[in-house]
PDB file of N, CA and C in Angstrom:
ATOM      1  N   MET A   1     -27.961   3.760 -24.414  1.00  0.00           N
ATOM      2  CA  MET A   1     -28.654   4.173 -25.601  1.00  0.00           C
ATOM      3  C   MET A   1     -29.476   3.011 -26.165  1.00  0.00           C
ATOM      4  N   PHE A   2     -28.939   1.814 -26.011  1.00  0.00           N
ATOM      5  CA  PHE A   2     -29.639   0.652 -26.549  1.00  0.00           C
ATOM      6  C   PHE A   2     -30.988   0.454 -25.878  1.00  0.00           C
ATOM      7  N   TRP A   3     -31.048   0.659 -24.559  1.00  0.00           N
ATOM      8  CA  TRP A   3     -32.326   0.461 -23.868  1.00  0.00           C
ATOM      9  C   TRP A   3     -33.335   1.517 -24.280  1.00  0.00           C
ATOM     10  N   LYS A   4     -32.883   2.736 -24.664  1.00  0.00           N
ATOM     11  CA  LYS A   4     -33.819   3.759 -25.150  1.00  0.00           C
ATOM     12  C   LYS A   4     -34.431   3.335 -26.478  1.00  0.00           C
ATOM     13  N   ILE A   5     -33.599   2.746 -27.319  1.00  0.00           N
ATOM     14  CA  ILE A   5     -34.073   2.353 -28.650  1.00  0.00           C
ATOM     15  C   ILE A   5     -35.073   1.201 -28.564  1.00  0.00           C
ATOM     16  N   LYS A   6     -34.870   0.281 -27.625  1.00  0.00           N
ATOM     17  CA  LYS A   6     -35.768  -0.872 -27.579  1.00  0.00           C
ATOM     18  C   LYS A   6     -36.968  -0.669 -26.641  1.00  0.00           C
ATOM     19  N   ILE A   7     -37.235   0.570 -26.222  1.00  0.00           N
ATOM     20  CA  ILE A   7     -38.430   0.848 -25.409  1.00  0.00           C
ATOM     21  C   ILE A   7     -39.673   0.532 -26.248  1.00  0.00           C
ATOM     22  N   GLY A   8     -40.599  -0.147 -25.659  1.00  0.00           N
ATOM     23  CA  GLY A   8     -41.831  -0.521 -26.341  1.00  0.00           C
ATOM     24  C   GLY A   8     -41.715  -1.797 -27.152  1.00  0.00           C
ATOM     25  N   MET A   9     -40.605  -2.487 -27.048  1.00  0.00           N
ATOM     26  CA  MET A   9     -40.398  -3.726 -27.792  1.00  0.00           C
ATOM     27  C   MET A   9     -40.354  -4.899 -26.832  1.00  0.00           C
ATOM     28  N   ASN A  10     -41.455  -5.220 -26.240  1.00  0.00           N
ATOM     29  CA  ASN A  10     -41.512  -6.354 -25.324  1.00  0.00           C
ATOM     30  C   ASN A  10     -41.492  -7.686 -26.071  1.00  0.00           C
ATOM     31  N   ASN A  11     -41.708  -7.637 -27.357  1.00  0.00           N
ATOM     32  CA  ASN A  11     -41.765  -8.865 -28.148  1.00  0.00           C
ATOM     33  C   ASN A  11     -40.390  -9.457 -28.442  1.00  0.00           C
ATOM     34  N   LEU A  12     -39.317  -8.788 -28.028  1.00  0.00           N
ATOM     35  CA  LEU A  12     -37.979  -9.350 -28.265  1.00  0.00           C
ATOM     36  C   LEU A  12     -37.778 -10.632 -27.473  1.00  0.00           C
ATOM     37  N   THR A  13     -38.373 -10.709 -26.284  1.00  0.00           N
ATOM     38  CA  THR A  13     -38.212 -11.910 -25.463  1.00  0.00           C
ATOM     39  C   THR A  13     -39.535 -12.656 -25.282  1.00  0.00           C
ATOM     40  N   ASP A  14     -40.636 -11.966 -25.469  1.00  0.00           N
ATOM     41  CA  ASP A  14     -41.950 -12.605 -25.296  1.00  0.00           C
ATOM     42  C   ASP A  14     -42.630 -12.764 -26.658  1.00  0.00           C
ATOM     43  N   GLY A  15     -43.606 -13.579 -26.687  1.00  0.00           N
ATOM     44  CA  GLY A  15     -44.394 -13.742 -27.903  1.00  0.00           C
ATOM     45  C   GLY A  15     -43.937 -14.920 -28.735  1.00  0.00           C
ATOM     46  N   THR A  16     -44.583 -15.030 -29.874  1.00  0.00           N
ATOM     47  CA  THR A  16     -44.273 -16.155 -30.760  1.00  0.00           C
ATOM     48  C   THR A  16     -42.985 -15.854 -31.531  1.00  0.00           C
ATOM     49  N   THR A  17     -42.518 -16.833 -32.243  1.00  0.00           N
ATOM     50  CA  THR A  17     -41.286 -16.684 -33.016  1.00  0.00           C
ATOM     51  C   THR A  17     -41.448 -15.597 -34.070  1.00  0.00           C
ATOM     52  N   THR A  18     -42.584 -15.522 -34.695  1.00  0.00           N
ATOM     53  CA  THR A  18     -42.834 -14.509 -35.721  1.00  0.00           C
ATOM     54  C   THR A  18     -42.813 -13.107 -35.109  1.00  0.00           C
ATOM     55  N   GLN A  19     -43.448 -12.950 -33.956  1.00  0.00           N
ATOM     56  CA  GLN A  19     -43.457 -11.641 -33.297  1.00  0.00           C
ATOM     57  C   GLN A  19     -42.042 -11.224 -32.879  1.00  0.00           C
ATOM     58  N   ARG A  20     -41.262 -12.167 -32.397  1.00  0.00           N
ATOM     59  CA  ARG A  20     -39.888 -11.847 -31.994  1.00  0.00           C
ATOM     60  C   ARG A  20     -39.035 -11.459 -33.207  1.00  0.00           C
ATOM     61  N   MET A  21     -39.240 -12.135 -34.335  1.00  0.00           N
ATOM     62  CA  MET A  21     -38.501 -11.802 -35.559  1.00  0.00           C
ATOM     63  C   MET A  21     -38.868 -10.407 -36.049  1.00  0.00           C
ATOM     64  N   GLU A  22     -40.160 -10.083 -36.034  1.00  0.00           N
ATOM     65  CA  GLU A  22     -40.596  -8.750 -36.448  1.00  0.00           C
ATOM     66  C   GLU A  22     -40.022  -7.683 -35.524  1.00  0.00           C
ATOM     67  N   ALA A  23     -40.002  -7.944 -34.206  1.00  0.00           N
ATOM     68  CA  ALA A  23     -39.437  -6.993 -33.253  1.00  0.00           C
ATOM     69  C   ALA A  23     -37.936  -6.822 -33.475  1.00  0.00           C
ATOM     70  N   LEU A  24     -37.247  -7.890 -33.825  1.00  0.00           N
ATOM     71  CA  LEU A  24     -35.811  -7.824 -34.081  1.00  0.00           C
ATOM     72  C   LEU A  24     -35.513  -6.983 -35.317  1.00  0.00           C
ATOM     73  N   PHE A  25     -36.303  -7.164 -36.383  1.00  0.00           N
ATOM     74  CA  PHE A  25     -36.096  -6.349 -37.582  1.00  0.00           C
ATOM     75  C   PHE A  25     -36.453  -4.889 -37.332  1.00  0.00           C
ATOM     76  N   ASP A  26     -37.483  -4.664 -36.521  1.00  0.00           N
ATOM     77  CA  ASP A  26     -37.836  -3.291 -36.160  1.00  0.00           C
ATOM     78  C   ASP A  26     -36.697  -2.644 -35.369  1.00  0.00           C
ATOM     79  N   LEU A  27     -36.083  -3.393 -34.481  1.00  0.00           N
ATOM     80  CA  LEU A  27     -34.948  -2.896 -33.712  1.00  0.00           C
ATOM     81  C   LEU A  27     -33.766  -2.590 -34.633  1.00  0.00           C
ATOM     82  N   ALA A  28     -33.534  -3.442 -35.620  1.00  0.00           N
ATOM     83  CA  ALA A  28     -32.441  -3.210 -36.576  1.00  0.00           C
ATOM     84  C   ALA A  28     -32.682  -1.926 -37.371  1.00  0.00           C
ATOM     85  N   GLU A  29     -33.930  -1.661 -37.734  1.00  0.00           N
ATOM     86  CA  GLU A  29     -34.242  -0.422 -38.453  1.00  0.00           C
ATOM     87  C   GLU A  29     -34.013   0.802 -37.572  1.00  0.00           C
ATOM     88  N   ARG A  30     -34.310   0.672 -36.294  1.00  0.00           N
ATOM     89  CA  ARG A  30     -34.081   1.796 -35.383  1.00  0.00           C
ATOM     90  C   ARG A  30     -32.588   2.041 -35.142  1.00  0.00           C
ATOM     91  N   LEU A  31     -31.804   0.970 -35.146  1.00  0.00           N
ATOM     92  CA  LEU A  31     -30.366   1.096 -34.905  1.00  0.00           C
ATOM     93  C   LEU A  31     -29.585   1.566 -36.134  1.00  0.00           C
ATOM     94  N   GLU A  32     -30.171   1.421 -37.326  1.00  0.00           N
ATOM     95  CA  GLU A  32     -29.436   1.726 -38.549  1.00  0.00           C
ATOM     96  C   GLU A  32     -28.873   3.151 -38.587  1.00  0.00           C
ATOM     97  N   PRO A  33     -29.617   4.198 -38.248  1.00  0.00           N
ATOM     98  CA  PRO A  33     -29.025   5.551 -38.303  1.00  0.00           C
ATOM     99  C   PRO A  33     -27.855   5.721 -37.317  1.00  0.00           C
ATOM    100  N   LYS A  34     -27.975   5.122 -36.153  1.00  0.00           N
ATOM    101  CA  LYS A  34     -26.894   5.220 -35.166  1.00  0.00           C
ATOM    102  C   LYS A  34     -25.641   4.498 -35.658  1.00  0.00           C
ATOM    103  N   LEU A  35     -25.810   3.310 -36.211  1.00  0.00           N
ATOM    104  CA  LEU A  35     -24.674   2.545 -36.704  1.00  0.00           C
ATOM    105  C   LEU A  35     -24.027   3.216 -37.914  1.00  0.00           C
ATOM    106  N   LYS A  36     -24.833   3.845 -38.763  1.00  0.00           N
ATOM    107  CA  LYS A  36     -24.290   4.560 -39.918  1.00  0.00           C
ATOM    108  C   LYS A  36     -23.443   5.740 -39.455  1.00  0.00           C
ATOM    109  N   LYS A  37     -23.889   6.426 -38.410  1.00  0.00           N
ATOM    110  CA  LYS A  37     -23.131   7.554 -37.852  1.00  0.00           C
ATOM    111  C   LYS A  37     -21.781   7.073 -37.326  1.00  0.00           C
ATOM    112  N   VAL A  38     -21.764   5.942 -36.654  1.00  0.00           N
ATOM    113  CA  VAL A  38     -20.519   5.384 -36.129  1.00  0.00           C
ATOM    114  C   VAL A  38     -19.609   4.941 -37.270  1.00  0.00           C
ATOM    115  N   ALA A  39     -20.175   4.348 -38.290  1.00  0.00           N
ATOM    116  CA  ALA A  39     -19.369   3.861 -39.413  1.00  0.00           C
ATOM    117  C   ALA A  39     -18.763   5.021 -40.204  1.00  0.00           C
ATOM    118  N   ASP A  40     -19.454   6.135 -40.291  1.00  0.00           N
ATOM    119  CA  ASP A  40     -18.942   7.289 -41.035  1.00  0.00           C
ATOM    120  C   ASP A  40     -17.822   8.012 -40.290  1.00  0.00           C
ATOM    121  N   ASN A  41     -17.854   7.994 -38.980  1.00  0.00           N
ATOM    122  CA  ASN A  41     -16.862   8.705 -38.182  1.00  0.00           C
ATOM    123  C   ASN A  41     -15.848   7.710 -37.623  1.00  0.00           C
ATOM    124  N   LYS A  42     -14.591   7.821 -38.058  1.00  0.00           N
ATOM    125  CA  LYS A  42     -13.554   6.869 -37.653  1.00  0.00           C
ATOM    126  C   LYS A  42     -13.229   6.964 -36.161  1.00  0.00           C
ATOM    127  N   GLU A  43     -13.454   8.127 -35.536  1.00  0.00           N
ATOM    128  CA  GLU A  43     -13.156   8.282 -34.111  1.00  0.00           C
ATOM    129  C   GLU A  43     -14.061   7.409 -33.241  1.00  0.00           C
ATOM    130  N   PHE A  44     -15.266   7.146 -33.702  1.00  0.00           N
ATOM    131  CA  PHE A  44     -16.196   6.325 -32.929  1.00  0.00           C
ATOM    132  C   PHE A  44     -15.830   4.845 -32.964  1.00  0.00           C
ATOM    133  N   ILE A  45     -15.137   4.434 -34.000  1.00  0.00           N
ATOM    134  CA  ILE A  45     -14.821   3.015 -34.135  1.00  0.00           C
ATOM    135  C   ILE A  45     -13.795   2.580 -33.095  1.00  0.00           C
ATOM    136  N   TYR A  46     -12.767   3.399 -32.896  1.00  0.00           N
ATOM    137  CA  TYR A  46     -11.699   3.058 -31.949  1.00  0.00           C
ATOM    138  C   TYR A  46     -11.933   3.794 -30.640  1.00  0.00           C
ATOM    139  N   SER A  47     -12.520   3.117 -29.706  1.00  0.00           N
ATOM    140  CA  SER A  47     -12.782   3.748 -28.413  1.00  0.00           C
ATOM    141  C   SER A  47     -11.626   3.452 -27.464  1.00  0.00           C
ATOM    142  N   LYS A  48     -11.517   4.264 -26.430  1.00  0.00           N
ATOM    143  CA  LYS A  48     -10.467   4.103 -25.429  1.00  0.00           C
ATOM    144  C   LYS A  48     -10.824   2.970 -24.485  1.00  0.00           C
ATOM    145  N   SER A  49      -9.811   2.269 -24.025  1.00  0.00           N
ATOM    146  CA  SER A  49     -10.041   1.206 -23.053  1.00  0.00           C
ATOM    147  C   SER A  49     -10.026   1.800 -21.651  1.00  0.00           C
ATOM    148  N   TYR A  50     -10.401   0.982 -20.689  1.00  0.00           N
ATOM    149  CA  TYR A  50     -10.428   1.417 -19.288  1.00  0.00           C
ATOM    150  C   TYR A  50      -9.033   1.827 -18.825  1.00  0.00           C
ATOM    151  N   TYR A  51      -8.015   1.100 -19.260  1.00  0.00           N
ATOM    152  CA  TYR A  51      -6.647   1.382 -18.827  1.00  0.00           C
ATOM    153  C   TYR A  51      -6.115   2.677 -19.445  1.00  0.00           C
ATOM    154  N   ASP A  52      -6.542   2.986 -20.675  1.00  0.00           N
ATOM    155  CA  ASP A  52      -6.150   4.255 -21.276  1.00  0.00           C
ATOM    156  C   ASP A  52      -6.719   5.429 -20.494  1.00  0.00           C
ATOM    157  N   ILE A  53      -7.990   5.314 -20.138  1.00  0.00           N
ATOM    158  CA  ILE A  53      -8.631   6.386 -19.368  1.00  0.00           C
ATOM    159  C   ILE A  53      -8.005   6.490 -17.987  1.00  0.00           C
ATOM    160  N   LYS A  54      -7.703   5.344 -17.367  1.00  0.00           N
ATOM    161  CA  LYS A  54      -7.077   5.355 -16.049  1.00  0.00           C
ATOM    162  C   LYS A  54      -5.699   6.013 -16.106  1.00  0.00           C
ATOM    163  N   ASN A  55      -4.925   5.748 -17.146  1.00  0.00           N
ATOM    164  CA  ASN A  55      -3.613   6.377 -17.294  1.00  0.00           C
ATOM    165  C   ASN A  55      -3.731   7.882 -17.492  1.00  0.00           C
ATOM    166  N   ILE A  56      -4.721   8.322 -18.244  1.00  0.00           N
ATOM    167  CA  ILE A  56      -4.934   9.749 -18.444  1.00  0.00           C
ATOM    168  C   ILE A  56      -5.295  10.419 -17.123  1.00  0.00           C
ATOM    169  N   VAL A  57      -6.206   9.811 -16.359  1.00  0.00           N
ATOM    170  CA  VAL A  57      -6.617  10.367 -15.066  1.00  0.00           C
ATOM    171  C   VAL A  57      -5.428  10.415 -14.113  1.00  0.00           C
ATOM    172  N   ASN A  58      -4.620   9.351 -14.072  1.00  0.00           N
ATOM    173  CA  ASN A  58      -3.446   9.349 -13.193  1.00  0.00           C
ATOM    174  C   ASN A  58      -2.448  10.425 -13.597  1.00  0.00           C
ATOM    175  N   GLY A  59      -2.262  10.646 -14.868  1.00  0.00           N
ATOM    176  CA  GLY A  59      -1.366  11.698 -15.342  1.00  0.00           C
ATOM    177  C   GLY A  59      -1.849  13.079 -14.948  1.00  0.00           C
ATOM    178  N   VAL A  60      -3.149  13.308 -15.098  1.00  0.00           N
ATOM    179  CA  VAL A  60      -3.717  14.601 -14.712  1.00  0.00           C
ATOM    180  C   VAL A  60      -3.586  14.809 -13.208  1.00  0.00           C
ATOM    181  N   LEU A  61      -3.855  13.778 -12.410  1.00  0.00           N
ATOM    182  CA  LEU A  61      -3.719  13.897 -10.957  1.00  0.00           C
ATOM    183  C   LEU A  61      -2.272  14.148 -10.551  1.00  0.00           C
ATOM    184  N   LEU A  62      -1.323  13.535 -11.245  1.00  0.00           N
ATOM    185  CA  LEU A  62       0.090  13.762 -10.948  1.00  0.00           C
ATOM    186  C   LEU A  62       0.468  15.219 -11.223  1.00  0.00           C
ATOM    187  N   VAL A  63       0.053  15.732 -12.356  1.00  0.00           N
ATOM    188  CA  VAL A  63       0.364  17.120 -12.698  1.00  0.00           C
ATOM    189  C   VAL A  63      -0.286  18.077 -11.708  1.00  0.00           C
ATOM    190  N   LEU A  64      -1.543  17.843 -11.351  1.00  0.00           N
ATOM    191  CA  LEU A  64      -2.217  18.697 -10.368  1.00  0.00           C
ATOM    192  C   LEU A  64      -1.538  18.619  -9.007  1.00  0.00           C
ATOM    193  N   GLY A  65      -1.084  17.423  -8.609  1.00  0.00           N
ATOM    194  CA  GLY A  65      -0.381  17.273  -7.340  1.00  0.00           C
ATOM    195  C   GLY A  65       0.919  18.052  -7.317  1.00  0.00           C
ATOM    196  N   ILE A  66       1.640  18.021  -8.428  1.00  0.00           N
ATOM    197  CA  ILE A  66       2.890  18.779  -8.511  1.00  0.00           C
ATOM    198  C   ILE A  66       2.607  20.275  -8.437  1.00  0.00           C
ATOM    199  N   ILE A  67       1.586  20.733  -9.122  1.00  0.00           N
ATOM    200  CA  ILE A  67       1.239  22.157  -9.099  1.00  0.00           C
ATOM    201  C   ILE A  67       0.841  22.588  -7.693  1.00  0.00           C
ATOM    202  N   VAL A  68      -0.002  21.793  -7.031  1.00  0.00           N
ATOM    203  CA  VAL A  68      -0.430  22.135  -5.663  1.00  0.00           C
ATOM    204  C   VAL A  68       0.771  22.125  -4.719  1.00  0.00           C
ATOM    205  N   GLY A  69       1.667  21.151  -4.867  1.00  0.00           N
ATOM    206  CA  GLY A  69       2.869  21.092  -4.037  1.00  0.00           C
ATOM    207  C   GLY A  69       3.756  22.311  -4.226  1.00  0.00           C
ATOM    208  N   LEU A  70       3.924  22.738  -5.481  1.00  0.00           N
ATOM    209  CA  LEU A  70       4.733  23.929  -5.741  1.00  0.00           C
ATOM    210  C   LEU A  70       4.095  25.186  -5.165  1.00  0.00           C
ATOM    211  N   VAL A  71       2.787  25.289  -5.260  1.00  0.00           N
ATOM    212  CA  VAL A  71       2.099  26.459  -4.692  1.00  0.00           C
ATOM    213  C   VAL A  71       2.261  26.481  -3.179  1.00  0.00           C
ATOM    214  N   ILE A  72       2.098  25.339  -2.523  1.00  0.00           N
ATOM    215  CA  ILE A  72       2.265  25.276  -1.069  1.00  0.00           C
ATOM    216  C   ILE A  72       3.706  25.598  -0.691  1.00  0.00           C
ATOM    217  N   TRP A  73       4.671  25.041  -1.423  1.00  0.00           N
ATOM    218  CA  TRP A  73       6.075  25.330  -1.152  1.00  0.00           C
ATOM    219  C   TRP A  73       6.367  26.822  -1.322  1.00  0.00           C
ATOM    220  N   PHE A  74       5.814  27.447  -2.372  1.00  0.00           N
ATOM    221  CA  PHE A  74       6.029  28.866  -2.613  1.00  0.00           C
ATOM    222  C   PHE A  74       5.446  29.710  -1.484  1.00  0.00           C
ATOM    223  N   ILE A  75       4.257  29.350  -1.014  1.00  0.00           N
ATOM    224  CA  ILE A  75       3.634  30.106   0.087  1.00  0.00           C
ATOM    225  C   ILE A  75       4.466  29.982   1.355  1.00  0.00           C
ATOM    226  N   ILE A  76       4.908  28.782   1.681  1.00  0.00           N
ATOM    227  CA  ILE A  76       5.722  28.587   2.885  1.00  0.00           C
ATOM    228  C   ILE A  76       7.055  29.321   2.746  1.00  0.00           C
ATOM    229  N   HIS A  77       7.668  29.242   1.594  1.00  0.00           N
ATOM    230  CA  HIS A  77       8.941  29.925   1.378  1.00  0.00           C
ATOM    231  C   HIS A  77       8.783  31.432   1.505  1.00  0.00           C
ATOM    232  N   ARG A  78       7.702  31.934   0.970  1.00  0.00           N
ATOM    233  CA  ARG A  78       7.471  33.381   1.032  1.00  0.00           C
ATOM    234  C   ARG A  78       7.208  33.844   2.461  1.00  0.00           C
ATOM    235  N   GLN A  79       6.516  33.047   3.253  1.00  0.00           N
ATOM    236  CA  GLN A  79       6.249  33.403   4.649  1.00  0.00           C
ATOM    237  C   GLN A  79       7.519  33.368   5.486  1.00  0.00           C
ATOM    238  N   ASN A  80       8.430  32.422   5.218  1.00  0.00           N
ATOM    239  CA  ASN A  80       9.633  32.239   6.033  1.00  0.00           C
ATOM    240  C   ASN A  80      10.870  32.895   5.435  1.00  0.00           C
ATOM    241  N   LYS A  81      10.720  33.707   4.453  1.00  0.00           N
ATOM    242  CA  LYS A  81      11.843  34.249   3.712  1.00  0.00           C
ATOM    243  C   LYS A  81      12.785  35.063   4.603  1.00  0.00           C
ATOM    244  N   ASN A  82      12.269  35.949   5.399  1.00  0.00           N
ATOM    245  CA  ASN A  82      13.097  36.841   6.210  1.00  0.00           C
ATOM    246  C   ASN A  82      12.999  36.548   7.700  1.00  0.00           C
ATOM    247  N   HIS A  83      12.530  35.388   8.058  1.00  0.00           N
ATOM    248  CA  HIS A  83      12.391  35.046   9.471  1.00  0.00           C
ATOM    249  C   HIS A  83      13.429  34.011   9.852  1.00  0.00           C
ATOM    250  N   PRO A  84      14.113  34.208  10.986  1.00  0.00           N
ATOM    251  CA  PRO A  84      15.054  33.182  11.435  1.00  0.00           C
ATOM    252  C   PRO A  84      14.302  31.951  11.917  1.00  0.00           C
ATOM    253  N   HIS A  85      14.947  30.825  11.870  1.00  0.00           N
ATOM    254  CA  HIS A  85      14.289  29.581  12.244  1.00  0.00           C
ATOM    255  C   HIS A  85      14.689  29.086  13.622  1.00  0.00           C
ATOM    256  N   ASN A  86      15.557  29.826  14.339  1.00  0.00           N
ATOM    257  CA  ASN A  86      16.048  29.292  15.608  1.00  0.00           C
ATOM    258  C   ASN A  86      15.989  30.273  16.760  1.00  0.00           C
ATOM    259  N   SER A  87      15.443  31.438  16.592  1.00  0.00           N
ATOM    260  CA  SER A  87      15.545  32.422  17.654  1.00  0.00           C
ATOM    261  C   SER A  87      14.209  32.880  18.208  1.00  0.00           C
ATOM    262  N   GLY A  88      13.165  32.195  17.942  1.00  0.00           N
ATOM    263  CA  GLY A  88      11.885  32.517  18.554  1.00  0.00           C
ATOM    264  C   GLY A  88      11.259  33.802  18.080  1.00  0.00           C
ATOM    265  N   GLY A  89      11.509  34.225  16.879  1.00  0.00           N
ATOM    266  CA  GLY A  89      10.793  35.366  16.322  1.00  0.00           C
ATOM    267  C   GLY A  89      11.574  36.654  16.271  1.00  0.00           C
ATOM    268  N   SER A  90      12.744  36.747  16.858  1.00  0.00           N
ATOM    269  CA  SER A  90      13.502  37.990  16.759  1.00  0.00           C
ATOM    270  C   SER A  90      14.212  38.056  15.422  1.00  0.00           C
ATOM    271  N   GLU A  91      14.678  39.206  15.049  1.00  0.00           N
ATOM    272  CA  GLU A  91      15.311  39.382  13.747  1.00  0.00           C
ATOM    273  C   GLU A  91      16.665  38.678  13.689  1.00  0.00           C
ATOM    274  N   LEU A  92      17.055  38.296  12.522  1.00  0.00           N
ATOM    275  CA  LEU A  92      18.310  37.598  12.315  1.00  0.00           C
ATOM    276  C   LEU A  92      19.477  38.516  12.663  1.00  0.00           C
ATOM    277  N   GLY A  93      20.417  38.035  13.452  1.00  0.00           N
ATOM    278  CA  GLY A  93      21.574  38.826  13.852  1.00  0.00           C
ATOM    279  C   GLY A  93      21.383  39.551  15.168  1.00  0.00           C
ATOM    280  N   ASN A  94      20.185  39.657  15.665  1.00  0.00           N
ATOM    281  CA  ASN A  94      19.930  40.363  16.910  1.00  0.00           C
ATOM    282  C   ASN A  94      19.427  39.431  18.004  1.00  0.00           C
ATOM    283  N   SER A  95      19.580  38.152  17.834  1.00  0.00           N
ATOM    284  CA  SER A  95      19.016  37.229  18.808  1.00  0.00           C
ATOM    285  C   SER A  95      19.901  37.159  20.047  1.00  0.00           C
ATOM    286  N   ASP A  96      19.344  36.664  21.141  1.00  0.00           N
ATOM    287  CA  ASP A  96      20.088  36.522  22.390  1.00  0.00           C
ATOM    288  C   ASP A  96      21.226  35.538  22.224  1.00  0.00           C
ATOM    289  N   TYR A  97      21.060  34.514  21.452  1.00  0.00           N
ATOM    290  CA  TYR A  97      22.115  33.525  21.250  1.00  0.00           C
ATOM    291  C   TYR A  97      23.333  34.169  20.596  1.00  0.00           C
ATOM    292  N   ASP A  98      23.104  35.002  19.567  1.00  0.00           N
ATOM    293  CA  ASP A  98      24.221  35.659  18.892  1.00  0.00           C
ATOM    294  C   ASP A  98      24.974  36.573  19.846  1.00  0.00           C
ATOM    295  N   ALA A  99      24.251  37.339  20.693  1.00  0.00           N
ATOM    296  CA  ALA A  99      24.919  38.230  21.645  1.00  0.00           C
ATOM    297  C   ALA A  99      25.727  37.423  22.650  1.00  0.00           C
ATOM    298  N   GLY A 100      25.199  36.307  23.109  1.00  0.00           N
ATOM    299  CA  GLY A 100      25.928  35.458  24.051  1.00  0.00           C
ATOM    300  C   GLY A 100      27.164  34.859  23.418  1.00  0.00           C
ATOM    301  N   PHE A 101      27.086  34.480  22.188  1.00  0.00           N
ATOM    302  CA  PHE A 101      28.244  33.915  21.494  1.00  0.00           C
ATOM    303  C   PHE A 101      29.350  34.960  21.357  1.00  0.00           C
ATOM    304  N   ASP A 102      28.934  36.184  20.933  1.00  0.00           N
ATOM    305  CA  ASP A 102      29.925  37.255  20.775  1.00  0.00           C
ATOM    306  C   ASP A 102      30.597  37.589  22.104  1.00  0.00           C
ATOM    307  N   GLU A 103      29.803  37.672  23.144  1.00  0.00           N
ATOM    308  CA  GLU A 103      30.350  37.989  24.466  1.00  0.00           C
ATOM    309  C   GLU A 103      31.298  36.891  24.942  1.00  0.00           C
ATOM    310  N   GLY A 104      30.934  35.645  24.760  1.00  0.00           N
ATOM    311  CA  GLY A 104      31.798  34.538  25.162  1.00  0.00           C
ATOM    312  C   GLY A 104      33.081  34.492  24.345  1.00  0.00           C
ATOM    313  N   TYR A 105      32.979  34.803  23.095  1.00  0.00           N
ATOM    314  CA  TYR A 105      34.182  34.823  22.254  1.00  0.00           C
ATOM    315  C   TYR A 105      35.139  35.917  22.722  1.00  0.00           C
ATOM    316  N   TYR A 106      34.582  37.083  23.020  1.00  0.00           N
ATOM    317  CA  TYR A 106      35.408  38.195  23.491  1.00  0.00           C
ATOM    318  C   TYR A 106      36.065  37.852  24.822  1.00  0.00           C
ATOM    319  N   MET A 107      35.264  37.276  25.747  1.00  0.00           N
ATOM    320  CA  MET A 107      35.823  36.930  27.051  1.00  0.00           C
ATOM    321  C   MET A 107      36.887  35.838  26.911  1.00  0.00           C
ATOM    322  N   GLY A 108      36.687  34.900  26.020  1.00  0.00           N
ATOM    323  CA  GLY A 108      37.668  33.856  25.812  1.00  0.00           C
ATOM    324  C   GLY A 108      38.943  34.376  25.185  1.00  0.00           C
ATOM    325  N   SER A 109      38.813  35.339  24.315  1.00  0.00           N
ATOM    326  CA  SER A 109      40.017  35.889  23.675  1.00  0.00           C
ATOM    327  C   SER A 109      40.813  36.752  24.661  1.00  0.00           C
ATOM    328  N   GLN A 110      40.152  37.266  25.703  1.00  0.00           N
ATOM    329  CA  GLN A 110      40.836  38.088  26.703  1.00  0.00           C
ATOM    330  C   GLN A 110      41.355  37.273  27.883  1.00  0.00           C
ATOM    331  N   ASP A 111      41.120  36.011  27.912  1.00  0.00           N
ATOM    332  CA  ASP A 111      41.543  35.161  29.026  1.00  0.00           C
ATOM    333  C   ASP A 111      43.077  34.986  29.007  1.00  0.00           C
ATOM    334  N   PRO A 112      43.754  35.311  30.102  1.00  0.00           N
ATOM    335  CA  PRO A 112      45.223  35.247  30.099  1.00  0.00           C
ATOM    336  C   PRO A 112      45.749  33.823  30.127  1.00  0.00           C
ATOM    337  N   PHE A 113      44.914  32.843  30.430  1.00  0.00           N
ATOM    338  CA  PHE A 113      45.396  31.472  30.527  1.00  0.00           C
ATOM    339  C   PHE A 113      45.345  30.738  29.192  1.00  0.00           C
ATOM    340  N   ILE A 114      44.818  31.327  28.151  1.00  0.00           N
ATOM    341  CA  ILE A 114      44.740  30.640  26.855  1.00  0.00           C
ATOM    342  C   ILE A 114      45.828  31.083  25.936  1.00  0.00           C
TER     343      ILE A 114
END
């Protein structure tokens, strides 16, 4: 904003001492309404530091990360809700492994040597 206000004021650095003084006072007159606005509003006086803004951004990113993680977890949980994880896609309780276990248990219980 400062560079917008001093457009057309080449005399701030060039020219005689009198011209530079006149340009400086002209710049002060241009800045007066802006400075009065800042002085009237207390929120403008206390600005946030870089670390405050960085902490806010990190907090927002943390919350968004948690939300995205929960959504992904919910989608995965919903997809795997009724699917077994060890039988290659067959329904729970009807897999080949379960039938083999039952058959082996029955044969073992009928063994006369045990």
